[in-house]
Protein backbone atom coordinates (compact mmCIF):
# COMPACT_ATOMS: atom_id res chain seq x y z
CA MET A 1 7.62 45.47 -46.85
CA LYS A 2 8.43 41.93 -45.85
CA GLN A 3 6.96 39.10 -47.96
CA LEU A 4 5.90 36.19 -45.79
CA LYS A 5 4.38 33.49 -47.98
CA GLN A 6 2.59 32.80 -51.23
CA PRO A 7 -0.19 30.33 -50.52
CA LEU A 8 -2.83 28.94 -52.85
CA LEU A 9 -6.32 28.66 -51.39
CA GLY A 10 -9.08 27.37 -53.60
CA ASP A 11 -8.39 28.94 -56.96
CA TYR A 12 -6.84 32.12 -55.52
CA GLU A 13 -3.12 32.83 -55.45
CA TYR A 14 -2.06 35.47 -52.96
CA GLN A 15 0.87 36.72 -50.92
CA VAL A 16 0.91 38.05 -47.36
CA PHE A 17 3.12 41.02 -46.52
CA VAL A 18 3.72 43.11 -43.42
CA ASN A 19 4.37 46.84 -43.74
CA SER A 20 5.92 48.95 -41.01
CA THR A 21 4.48 52.41 -40.51
CA GLU A 22 6.15 55.68 -39.59
CA THR A 23 4.87 55.26 -36.03
CA GLY A 24 6.57 51.88 -35.57
CA HIS A 25 3.41 49.85 -35.97
CA TYR A 26 2.78 47.03 -38.45
CA GLN A 27 -0.04 46.44 -40.91
CA GLY A 28 -0.81 43.30 -42.86
CA VAL A 29 -1.35 43.39 -46.61
CA ILE A 30 -2.87 40.68 -48.79
CA VAL A 31 -1.76 40.82 -52.42
CA VAL A 32 -4.00 38.77 -54.70
CA THR A 33 -1.80 37.70 -57.60
CA GLY A 34 -4.09 35.41 -59.58
CA TYR A 35 -7.20 33.31 -59.91
CA ASN A 36 -7.65 29.90 -61.53
CA GLY A 37 -4.15 29.93 -63.01
CA GLU A 38 -4.48 33.41 -64.55
CA ALA A 39 -2.29 36.18 -63.14
CA TYR A 40 -3.73 39.57 -62.20
CA GLU A 41 -1.81 42.43 -63.79
CA PRO A 42 -1.45 44.49 -61.73
CA SER A 43 -1.92 42.45 -58.57
CA ILE A 44 -4.58 43.63 -56.11
CA GLN A 45 -3.62 44.81 -52.62
CA ILE A 46 -5.98 44.54 -49.64
CA GLN A 47 -4.76 46.16 -46.41
CA THR A 48 -5.95 44.95 -43.04
CA PRO A 49 -7.82 47.62 -41.05
CA ILE A 50 -5.79 47.22 -37.85
CA LEU A 51 -2.27 48.32 -36.91
CA PHE A 52 -0.26 46.16 -34.51
CA LYS A 53 2.82 46.70 -32.38
CA SER A 54 4.06 43.26 -33.46
CA SER A 55 4.85 42.22 -37.03
CA HIS A 56 3.85 38.65 -36.19
CA ALA A 57 0.39 39.81 -35.10
CA ALA A 58 -0.03 41.73 -38.37
CA GLU A 59 0.98 38.58 -40.28
CA ILE A 60 -1.59 36.48 -38.43
CA GLU A 61 -4.30 39.09 -39.07
CA ALA A 62 -3.56 39.25 -42.80
CA SER A 63 -3.43 35.47 -43.17
CA ALA A 64 -6.69 35.01 -41.28
CA MET A 65 -8.37 37.79 -43.25
CA ALA A 66 -7.31 36.21 -46.56
CA VAL A 67 -8.76 32.84 -45.56
CA TYR A 68 -11.97 34.48 -44.33
CA LEU A 69 -12.43 36.55 -47.51
CA ILE A 70 -11.89 33.54 -49.73
CA HIS A 71 -14.06 31.10 -47.77
CA THR A 72 -16.98 33.52 -47.42
CA GLY A 73 -16.80 34.65 -51.04
CA ALA A 74 -16.34 38.27 -49.98
CA ILE A 75 -13.14 38.45 -51.99
CA THR A 76 -15.21 38.35 -55.18
CA ALA A 77 -16.85 41.67 -54.33
CA LEU A 78 -13.50 43.23 -53.39
CA LEU A 79 -11.91 42.10 -56.64
CA SER A 80 -14.87 43.50 -58.60
CA GLN A 81 -14.41 46.84 -56.81
CA ALA A 82 -10.71 46.82 -57.63
CA ALA A 83 -11.41 46.04 -61.29
CA ALA A 84 -13.81 49.00 -61.39
CA GLY A 85 -11.15 51.28 -59.86
CA THR A 86 -13.02 51.70 -56.56
CA PRO A 87 -10.85 51.90 -53.42
CA LEU A 88 -10.95 48.70 -51.38
CA THR A 89 -11.33 50.39 -48.02
CA THR A 90 -13.48 53.17 -46.64
CA LEU A 91 -11.15 53.73 -43.69
CA GLU A 92 -8.96 56.80 -43.65
CA PRO A 93 -5.42 56.34 -42.23
CA GLY A 94 -6.43 58.19 -39.05
CA GLN A 95 -9.23 55.70 -38.48
CA LEU A 96 -6.93 52.69 -38.26
CA LYS A 97 -7.12 50.93 -34.93
CA VAL A 98 -3.91 50.25 -33.00
CA VAL A 99 -3.87 47.03 -30.98
CA ASP A 100 -1.40 46.21 -28.22
CA THR A 101 -0.05 42.67 -28.44
CA TRP A 102 2.40 40.84 -26.27
């Protein structure tokens, strides 16, 4: 897993990672590390639902998804699910979409 950056957006602290899969594809991961100066222990991982053939494309997807979740307020619901122990995705690994990028 390659850590890319640790931005602060609004009151949320998060990191963006890119994982490589066994098939040679890449998937972005957002790790929410804190809110309003308080650290989450453990941190909360949100995987992007798309696999890419390029690590850079996976990075862009994860960064854009983090901004979207924070700006729309959808991250609040995801963090509530995580706190309750509910999985953050309903997609099974076989349902992940592979996207060709140049």
